[in-house]
């Protein structure tokens, strides 16, 4: 299912992790992902090379915090990516 589908049967506040790969803005992904997380859960986002800059632009929200990030290059093509691990305060 899709996180946008509020009528699906996927349980809310159930998962340890919500994972997304560059499919929308960080704010939108967090808004969609937080309802699925159990207490202590994490949202893991793969972003492009500007991922950390994107985070710094929205980090004013006190209900979320960046726990960890990792920069890396994709094999063969060398494009830069950033993995963001975000915790939501539930």
PDB file of N, CA and C in Angstrom:
ATOM      1  N   UNK A   1       0.810  -1.181   0.000  1.00  0.00           N
ATOM      2  CA  UNK A   1       0.000   0.000   0.000  1.00  0.00           C
ATOM      3  C   UNK A   1       0.857   1.251   0.000  1.00  0.00           C
ATOM      4  N   UNK A   2       0.195   2.352  -0.029  1.00  0.00           N
ATOM      5  CA  UNK A   2       0.865   3.653  -0.018  1.00  0.00           C
ATOM      6  C   UNK A   2       0.524   4.375   1.282  1.00  0.00           C
ATOM      7  N   UNK A   3       1.485   5.092   1.817  1.00  0.00           N
ATOM      8  CA  UNK A   3       1.274   5.826   3.064  1.00  0.00           C
ATOM      9  C   UNK A   3       0.154   6.855   2.926  1.00  0.00           C
ATOM     10  N   UNK A   4      -0.040   7.351   1.708  1.00  0.00           N
ATOM     11  CA  UNK A   4      -1.082   8.360   1.483  1.00  0.00           C
ATOM     12  C   UNK A   4      -2.496   7.794   1.597  1.00  0.00           C
ATOM     13  N   UNK A   5      -2.641   6.488   1.506  1.00  0.00           N
ATOM     14  CA  UNK A   5      -3.947   5.843   1.524  1.00  0.00           C
ATOM     15  C   UNK A   5      -4.404   5.632   2.969  1.00  0.00           C
ATOM     16  N   UNK A   6      -5.187   6.565   3.487  1.00  0.00           N
ATOM     17  CA  UNK A   6      -5.585   6.495   4.891  1.00  0.00           C
ATOM     18  C   UNK A   6      -6.584   5.382   5.175  1.00  0.00           C
ATOM     19  N   UNK A   7      -7.116   4.759   4.132  1.00  0.00           N
ATOM     20  CA  UNK A   7      -8.098   3.702   4.331  1.00  0.00           C
ATOM     21  C   UNK A   7      -7.502   2.307   4.162  1.00  0.00           C
ATOM     22  N   UNK A   8      -6.170   2.224   4.052  1.00  0.00           N
ATOM     23  CA  UNK A   8      -5.568   0.898   3.918  1.00  0.00           C
ATOM     24  C   UNK A   8      -5.638   0.163   5.261  1.00  0.00           C
ATOM     25  N   UNK A   9      -5.233  -1.080   5.263  1.00  0.00           N
ATOM     26  CA  UNK A   9      -5.294  -1.875   6.487  1.00  0.00           C
ATOM     27  C   UNK A   9      -3.918  -2.036   7.131  1.00  0.00           C
ATOM     28  N   UNK A  10      -2.967  -1.211   6.754  1.00  0.00           N
ATOM     29  CA  UNK A  10      -1.633  -1.265   7.353  1.00  0.00           C
ATOM     30  C   UNK A  10      -1.734  -0.663   8.754  1.00  0.00           C
ATOM     31  N   UNK A  11      -1.264  -1.380   9.776  1.00  0.00           N
ATOM     32  CA  UNK A  11      -1.416  -0.882  11.148  1.00  0.00           C
ATOM     33  C   UNK A  11      -0.595   0.379  11.411  1.00  0.00           C
ATOM     34  N   UNK A  12      -1.159   1.279  12.187  1.00  0.00           N
ATOM     35  CA  UNK A  12      -0.474   2.503  12.583  1.00  0.00           C
ATOM     36  C   UNK A  12       0.252   2.246  13.898  1.00  0.00           C
ATOM     37  N   UNK A  13       1.285   3.028  14.169  1.00  0.00           N
ATOM     38  CA  UNK A  13       2.102   2.926  15.383  1.00  0.00           C
ATOM     39  C   UNK A  13       2.569   1.483  15.617  1.00  0.00           C
ATOM     40  N   UNK A  14       3.060   0.847  14.551  1.00  0.00           N
ATOM     41  CA  UNK A  14       3.401  -0.573  14.604  1.00  0.00           C
ATOM     42  C   UNK A  14       4.849  -0.859  14.224  1.00  0.00           C
ATOM     43  N   UNK A  15       5.432  -0.068  13.327  1.00  0.00           N
ATOM     44  CA  UNK A  15       6.713  -0.411  12.718  1.00  0.00           C
ATOM     45  C   UNK A  15       7.899   0.254  13.408  1.00  0.00           C
ATOM     46  N   UNK A  16       9.023  -0.446  13.392  1.00  0.00           N
ATOM     47  CA  UNK A  16      10.270   0.102  13.926  1.00  0.00           C
ATOM     48  C   UNK A  16      10.912   1.088  12.951  1.00  0.00           C
ATOM     49  N   UNK A  17      10.722   0.842  11.650  1.00  0.00           N
ATOM     50  CA  UNK A  17      11.343   1.673  10.625  1.00  0.00           C
ATOM     51  C   UNK A  17      10.364   1.974   9.489  1.00  0.00           C
ATOM     52  N   UNK A  18      10.456   3.188   8.975  1.00  0.00           N
ATOM     53  CA  UNK A  18       9.810   3.577   7.732  1.00  0.00           C
ATOM     54  C   UNK A  18      10.952   4.005   6.822  1.00  0.00           C
ATOM     55  N   UNK A  19      11.012   3.436   5.627  1.00  0.00           N
ATOM     56  CA  UNK A  19      12.130   3.682   4.720  1.00  0.00           C
ATOM     57  C   UNK A  19      11.609   4.265   3.414  1.00  0.00           C
ATOM     58  N   UNK A  20      12.297   5.297   2.930  1.00  0.00           N
ATOM     59  CA  UNK A  20      11.905   5.923   1.678  1.00  0.00           C
ATOM     60  C   UNK A  20      13.140   6.282   0.876  1.00  0.00           C
ATOM     61  N   UNK A  21      12.969   6.305  -0.437  1.00  0.00           N
ATOM     62  CA  UNK A  21      14.082   6.579  -1.328  1.00  0.00           C
ATOM     63  C   UNK A  21      13.742   7.728  -2.269  1.00  0.00           C
ATOM     64  N   UNK A  22      14.008   8.948  -1.829  1.00  0.00           N
ATOM     65  CA  UNK A  22      13.931  10.152  -2.674  1.00  0.00           C
ATOM     66  C   UNK A  22      12.642  10.258  -3.488  1.00  0.00           C
ATOM     67  N   UNK A  23      11.519  10.147  -2.824  1.00  0.00           N
ATOM     68  CA  UNK A  23      10.253  10.222  -3.556  1.00  0.00           C
ATOM     69  C   UNK A  23       9.443  11.478  -3.263  1.00  0.00           C
ATOM     70  N   UNK A  24       9.959  12.375  -2.475  1.00  0.00           N
ATOM     71  CA  UNK A  24       9.241  13.597  -2.149  1.00  0.00           C
ATOM     72  C   UNK A  24      10.051  14.432  -1.187  1.00  0.00           C
ATOM     73  N   UNK A  25       9.456  15.503  -0.719  1.00  0.00           N
ATOM     74  CA  UNK A  25      10.168  16.365   0.218  1.00  0.00           C
ATOM     75  C   UNK A  25      10.328  15.654   1.565  1.00  0.00           C
ATOM     76  N   UNK A  26      11.341  16.061   2.297  1.00  0.00           N
ATOM     77  CA  UNK A  26      11.575  15.474   3.614  1.00  0.00           C
ATOM     78  C   UNK A  26      10.365  15.704   4.511  1.00  0.00           C
ATOM     79  N   UNK A  27       9.817  16.915   4.481  1.00  0.00           N
ATOM     80  CA  UNK A  27       8.661  17.222   5.321  1.00  0.00           C
ATOM     81  C   UNK A  27       7.490  16.294   5.026  1.00  0.00           C
ATOM     82  N   UNK A  28       7.218  16.080   3.741  1.00  0.00           N
ATOM     83  CA  UNK A  28       6.103  15.220   3.359  1.00  0.00           C
ATOM     84  C   UNK A  28       6.352  13.775   3.800  1.00  0.00           C
ATOM     85  N   UNK A  29       7.555  13.292   3.609  1.00  0.00           N
ATOM     86  CA  UNK A  29       7.873  11.915   3.985  1.00  0.00           C
ATOM     87  C   UNK A  29       7.762  11.705   5.484  1.00  0.00           C
ATOM     88  N   UNK A  30       8.177  12.687   6.259  1.00  0.00           N
ATOM     89  CA  UNK A  30       8.067  12.579   7.712  1.00  0.00           C
ATOM     90  C   UNK A  30       6.601  12.599   8.127  1.00  0.00           C
ATOM     91  N   UNK A  31       5.846  13.500   7.553  1.00  0.00           N
ATOM     92  CA  UNK A  31       4.418  13.591   7.879  1.00  0.00           C
ATOM     93  C   UNK A  31       3.703  12.276   7.565  1.00  0.00           C
ATOM     94  N   UNK A  32       4.037  11.673   6.439  1.00  0.00           N
ATOM     95  CA  UNK A  32       3.415  10.408   6.058  1.00  0.00           C
ATOM     96  C   UNK A  32       3.918   9.235   6.891  1.00  0.00           C
ATOM     97  N   UNK A  33       5.192   9.267   7.280  1.00  0.00           N
ATOM     98  CA  UNK A  33       5.795   8.126   7.953  1.00  0.00           C
ATOM     99  C   UNK A  33       5.542   8.031   9.439  1.00  0.00           C
ATOM    100  N   UNK A  34       5.491   9.153  10.130  1.00  0.00           N
ATOM    101  CA  UNK A  34       5.375   9.149  11.590  1.00  0.00           C
ATOM    102  C   UNK A  34       4.172   8.339  12.099  1.00  0.00           C
ATOM    103  N   UNK A  35       3.003   8.402  11.481  1.00  0.00           N
ATOM    104  CA  UNK A  35       1.872   7.626  12.020  1.00  0.00           C
ATOM    105  C   UNK A  35       2.105   6.108  12.041  1.00  0.00           C
ATOM    106  N   UNK A  36       3.014   5.615  11.226  1.00  0.00           N
ATOM    107  CA  UNK A  36       3.271   4.171  11.157  1.00  0.00           C
ATOM    108  C   UNK A  36       4.296   3.698  12.186  1.00  0.00           C
ATOM    109  N   UNK A  37       5.022   4.618  12.800  1.00  0.00           N
ATOM    110  CA  UNK A  37       6.102   4.254  13.712  1.00  0.00           C
ATOM    111  C   UNK A  37       5.605   3.959  15.120  1.00  0.00           C
ATOM    112  N   UNK A  38       6.167   2.913  15.686  1.00  0.00           N
ATOM    113  CA  UNK A  38       5.939   2.670  17.111  1.00  0.00           C
ATOM    114  C   UNK A  38       6.859   3.600  17.892  1.00  0.00           C
ATOM    115  N   UNK A  39       6.663   3.707  19.176  1.00  0.00           N
ATOM    116  CA  UNK A  39       7.517   4.556  20.007  1.00  0.00           C
ATOM    117  C   UNK A  39       8.967   4.123  19.851  1.00  0.00           C
ATOM    118  N   UNK A  40       9.854   5.076  19.627  1.00  0.00           N
ATOM    119  CA  UNK A  40      11.270   4.780  19.423  1.00  0.00           C
ATOM    120  C   UNK A  40      11.619   4.432  17.988  1.00  0.00           C
ATOM    121  N   UNK A  41      10.632   4.437  17.083  1.00  0.00           N
ATOM    122  CA  UNK A  41      10.874   4.096  15.687  1.00  0.00           C
ATOM    123  C   UNK A  41      11.671   5.164  14.957  1.00  0.00           C
ATOM    124  N   UNK A  42      12.178   4.808  13.781  1.00  0.00           N
ATOM    125  CA  UNK A  42      13.011   5.701  12.983  1.00  0.00           C
ATOM    126  C   UNK A  42      12.512   5.771  11.548  1.00  0.00           C
ATOM    127  N   UNK A  43      12.713   6.932  10.943  1.00  0.00           N
ATOM    128  CA  UNK A  43      12.471   7.108   9.520  1.00  0.00           C
ATOM    129  C   UNK A  43      13.835   7.177   8.853  1.00  0.00           C
ATOM    130  N   UNK A  44      14.029   6.362   7.824  1.00  0.00           N
ATOM    131  CA  UNK A  44      15.299   6.325   7.102  1.00  0.00           C
ATOM    132  C   UNK A  44      15.040   6.793   5.681  1.00  0.00           C
ATOM    133  N   UNK A  45      15.725   7.867   5.309  1.00  0.00           N
ATOM    134  CA  UNK A  45      15.519   8.469   3.994  1.00  0.00           C
ATOM    135  C   UNK A  45      16.809   8.452   3.196  1.00  0.00           C
ATOM    136  N   UNK A  46      16.749   8.026   1.938  1.00  0.00           N
ATOM    137  CA  UNK A  46      17.878   8.195   1.038  1.00  0.00           C
ATOM    138  C   UNK A  46      17.599   9.444   0.210  1.00  0.00           C
ATOM    139  N   UNK A  47      18.532  10.379   0.265  1.00  0.00           N
ATOM    140  CA  UNK A  47      18.399  11.647  -0.443  1.00  0.00           C
ATOM    141  C   UNK A  47      19.570  11.827  -1.401  1.00  0.00           C
ATOM    142  N   UNK A  48      19.448  12.793  -2.264  1.00  0.00           N
ATOM    143  CA  UNK A  48      20.538  13.139  -3.176  1.00  0.00           C
ATOM    144  C   UNK A  48      21.660  13.837  -2.424  1.00  0.00           C
ATOM    145  N   UNK A  49      22.622  14.355  -3.157  1.00  0.00           N
ATOM    146  CA  UNK A  49      23.801  14.951  -2.523  1.00  0.00           C
ATOM    147  C   UNK A  49      23.468  16.152  -1.651  1.00  0.00           C
ATOM    148  N   UNK A  50      22.304  16.779  -1.839  1.00  0.00           N
ATOM    149  CA  UNK A  50      21.886  17.915  -1.025  1.00  0.00           C
ATOM    150  C   UNK A  50      21.048  17.498   0.188  1.00  0.00           C
ATOM    151  N   UNK A  51      21.015  16.229   0.486  1.00  0.00           N
ATOM    152  CA  UNK A  51      20.153  15.729   1.555  1.00  0.00           C
ATOM    153  C   UNK A  51      20.364  16.391   2.898  1.00  0.00           C
ATOM    154  N   UNK A  52      21.605  16.597   3.281  1.00  0.00           N
ATOM    155  CA  UNK A  52      21.877  17.237   4.566  1.00  0.00           C
ATOM    156  C   UNK A  52      21.473  18.710   4.537  1.00  0.00           C
ATOM    157  N   UNK A  53      21.672  19.364   3.412  1.00  0.00           N
ATOM    158  CA  UNK A  53      21.220  20.758   3.262  1.00  0.00           C
ATOM    159  C   UNK A  53      19.697  20.833   3.362  1.00  0.00           C
ATOM    160  N   UNK A  54      19.007  19.891   2.718  1.00  0.00           N
ATOM    161  CA  UNK A  54      17.541  19.847   2.809  1.00  0.00           C
ATOM    162  C   UNK A  54      17.110  19.717   4.263  1.00  0.00           C
ATOM    163  N   UNK A  55      17.773  18.825   4.993  1.00  0.00           N
ATOM    164  CA  UNK A  55      17.442  18.635   6.404  1.00  0.00           C
ATOM    165  C   UNK A  55      17.637  19.942   7.178  1.00  0.00           C
ATOM    166  N   UNK A  56      18.762  20.595   6.963  1.00  0.00           N
ATOM    167  CA  UNK A  56      19.063  21.824   7.687  1.00  0.00           C
ATOM    168  C   UNK A  56      18.051  22.928   7.401  1.00  0.00           C
ATOM    169  N   UNK A  57      17.409  22.879   6.258  1.00  0.00           N
ATOM    170  CA  UNK A  57      16.393  23.870   5.905  1.00  0.00           C
ATOM    171  C   UNK A  57      15.085  23.653   6.661  1.00  0.00           C
ATOM    172  N   UNK A  58      14.813  22.440   7.124  1.00  0.00           N
ATOM    173  CA  UNK A  58      13.529  22.154   7.779  1.00  0.00           C
ATOM    174  C   UNK A  58      13.671  21.768   9.242  1.00  0.00           C
ATOM    175  N   UNK A  59      14.849  21.703   9.772  1.00  0.00           N
ATOM    176  CA  UNK A  59      15.061  21.147  11.108  1.00  0.00           C
ATOM    177  C   UNK A  59      14.440  21.936  12.246  1.00  0.00           C
ATOM    178  N   UNK A  60      13.780  23.025  11.982  1.00  0.00           N
ATOM    179  CA  UNK A  60      13.152  23.826  13.031  1.00  0.00           C
ATOM    180  C   UNK A  60      12.024  23.078  13.739  1.00  0.00           C
ATOM    181  N   UNK A  61      11.486  22.030  13.133  1.00  0.00           N
ATOM    182  CA  UNK A  61      10.412  21.253  13.741  1.00  0.00           C
ATOM    183  C   UNK A  61      10.951  20.524  14.969  1.00  0.00           C
ATOM    184  N   UNK A  62      10.413  20.833  16.120  1.00  0.00           N
ATOM    185  CA  UNK A  62      10.907  20.257  17.371  1.00  0.00           C
ATOM    186  C   UNK A  62      10.431  18.823  17.612  1.00  0.00           C
ATOM    187  N   UNK A  63       9.539  18.325  16.768  1.00  0.00           N
ATOM    188  CA  UNK A  63       9.019  16.966  16.957  1.00  0.00           C
ATOM    189  C   UNK A  63       9.855  15.898  16.279  1.00  0.00           C
ATOM    190  N   UNK A  64      10.913  16.298  15.605  1.00  0.00           N
ATOM    191  CA  UNK A  64      11.787  15.344  14.925  1.00  0.00           C
ATOM    192  C   UNK A  64      13.234  15.714  15.183  1.00  0.00           C
ATOM    193  N   UNK A  65      14.115  14.727  15.089  1.00  0.00           N
ATOM    194  CA  UNK A  65      15.539  15.023  15.214  1.00  0.00           C
ATOM    195  C   UNK A  65      16.354  14.054  14.366  1.00  0.00           C
ATOM    196  N   UNK A  66      17.446  14.566  13.847  1.00  0.00           N
ATOM    197  CA  UNK A  66      18.359  13.752  13.047  1.00  0.00           C
ATOM    198  C   UNK A  66      19.246  12.969  14.003  1.00  0.00           C
ATOM    199  N   UNK A  67      19.182  11.655  13.914  1.00  0.00           N
ATOM    200  CA  UNK A  67      19.956  10.776  14.782  1.00  0.00           C
ATOM    201  C   UNK A  67      21.324  10.484  14.176  1.00  0.00           C
ATOM    202  N   UNK A  68      21.335  10.300  12.845  1.00  0.00           N
ATOM    203  CA  UNK A  68      22.563   9.886  12.171  1.00  0.00           C
ATOM    204  C   UNK A  68      22.440  10.202  10.686  1.00  0.00           C
ATOM    205  N   UNK A  69      23.569  10.386  10.033  1.00  0.00           N
ATOM    206  CA  UNK A  69      23.577  10.510   8.574  1.00  0.00           C
ATOM    207  C   UNK A  69      24.848   9.884   8.035  1.00  0.00           C
ATOM    208  N   UNK A  70      24.778   9.473   6.781  1.00  0.00           N
ATOM    209  CA  UNK A  70      25.930   8.840   6.125  1.00  0.00           C
ATOM    210  C   UNK A  70      25.958   9.291   4.676  1.00  0.00           C
ATOM    211  N   UNK A  71      27.071   9.873   4.261  1.00  0.00           N
ATOM    212  CA  UNK A  71      27.265  10.250   2.862  1.00  0.00           C
ATOM    213  C   UNK A  71      27.993   9.112   2.154  1.00  0.00           C
ATOM    214  N   UNK A  72      27.623   8.864   0.901  1.00  0.00           N
ATOM    215  CA  UNK A  72      28.292   7.820   0.130  1.00  0.00           C
ATOM    216  C   UNK A  72      28.101   8.065  -1.359  1.00  0.00           C
ATOM    217  N   UNK A  73      28.846   7.327  -2.161  1.00  0.00           N
ATOM    218  CA  UNK A  73      28.742   7.383  -3.623  1.00  0.00           C
ATOM    219  C   UNK A  73      28.155   6.080  -4.130  1.00  0.00           C
ATOM    220  N   UNK A  74      27.265   6.184  -5.112  1.00  0.00           N
ATOM    221  CA  UNK A  74      26.703   4.980  -5.710  1.00  0.00           C
ATOM    222  C   UNK A  74      27.778   4.245  -6.507  1.00  0.00           C
ATOM    223  N   UNK A  75      27.788   2.929  -6.433  1.00  0.00           N
ATOM    224  CA  UNK A  75      28.770   2.167  -7.210  1.00  0.00           C
ATOM    225  C   UNK A  75      28.584   2.398  -8.712  1.00  0.00           C
ATOM    226  N   UNK A  76      29.645   2.301  -9.431  1.00  0.00           N
ATOM    227  CA  UNK A  76      29.705   2.397 -10.890  1.00  0.00           C
ATOM    228  C   UNK A  76      29.489   3.811 -11.421  1.00  0.00           C
ATOM    229  N   UNK A  77      28.440   4.521 -10.958  1.00  0.00           N
ATOM    230  CA  UNK A  77      28.165   5.842 -11.530  1.00  0.00           C
ATOM    231  C   UNK A  77      28.674   6.988 -10.665  1.00  0.00           C
ATOM    232  N   UNK A  78      28.950   6.730  -9.391  1.00  0.00           N
ATOM    233  CA  UNK A  78      29.574   7.716  -8.529  1.00  0.00           C
ATOM    234  C   UNK A  78      28.694   8.851  -8.023  1.00  0.00           C
ATOM    235  N   UNK A  79      27.397   8.820  -8.294  1.00  0.00           N
ATOM    236  CA  UNK A  79      26.522   9.891  -7.804  1.00  0.00           C
ATOM    237  C   UNK A  79      26.507   9.908  -6.276  1.00  0.00           C
ATOM    238  N   UNK A  80      26.486  11.097  -5.712  1.00  0.00           N
ATOM    239  CA  UNK A  80      26.502  11.261  -4.267  1.00  0.00           C
ATOM    240  C   UNK A  80      25.095  11.085  -3.684  1.00  0.00           C
ATOM    241  N   UNK A  81      25.023  10.435  -2.535  1.00  0.00           N
ATOM    242  CA  UNK A  81      23.772  10.237  -1.817  1.00  0.00           C
ATOM    243  C   UNK A  81      24.027  10.455  -0.320  1.00  0.00           C
ATOM    244  N   UNK A  82      22.935  10.684   0.402  1.00  0.00           N
ATOM    245  CA  UNK A  82      22.987  10.826   1.858  1.00  0.00           C
ATOM    246  C   UNK A  82      21.839  10.011   2.456  1.00  0.00           C
ATOM    247  N   UNK A  83      22.146   9.210   3.452  1.00  0.00           N
ATOM    248  CA  UNK A  83      21.127   8.504   4.210  1.00  0.00           C
ATOM    249  C   UNK A  83      20.890   9.304   5.489  1.00  0.00           C
ATOM    250  N   UNK A  84      19.623   9.655   5.760  1.00  0.00           N
ATOM    251  CA  UNK A  84      19.255  10.366   6.979  1.00  0.00           C
ATOM    252  C   UNK A  84      18.444   9.421   7.860  1.00  0.00           C
ATOM    253  N   UNK A  85      18.812   9.330   9.125  1.00  0.00           N
ATOM    254  CA  UNK A  85      18.048   8.539  10.089  1.00  0.00           C
ATOM    255  C   UNK A  85      17.419   9.531  11.059  1.00  0.00           C
ATOM    256  N   UNK A  86      16.090   9.548  11.073  1.00  0.00           N
ATOM    257  CA  UNK A  86      15.331  10.556  11.803  1.00  0.00           C
ATOM    258  C   UNK A  86      14.449   9.882  12.850  1.00  0.00           C
ATOM    259  N   UNK A  87      14.424  10.476  14.038  1.00  0.00           N
ATOM    260  CA  UNK A  87      13.551   9.996  15.093  1.00  0.00           C
ATOM    261  C   UNK A  87      12.417  10.994  15.264  1.00  0.00           C
ATOM    262  N   UNK A  88      11.232  10.466  15.445  1.00  0.00           N
ATOM    263  CA  UNK A  88      10.082  11.316  15.724  1.00  0.00           C
ATOM    264  C   UNK A  88       9.727  11.237  17.192  1.00  0.00           C
ATOM    265  N   UNK A  89       9.376  12.353  17.768  1.00  0.00           N
ATOM    266  CA  UNK A  89       8.927  12.383  19.149  1.00  0.00           C
ATOM    267  C   UNK A  89       7.436  12.113  19.143  1.00  0.00           C
ATOM    268  N   UNK A  90       7.047  10.959  19.635  1.00  0.00           N
ATOM    269  CA  UNK A  90       5.633  10.556  19.590  1.00  0.00           C
ATOM    270  C   UNK A  90       4.935  10.847  20.897  1.00  0.00           C
TER     271      UNK A  90
END
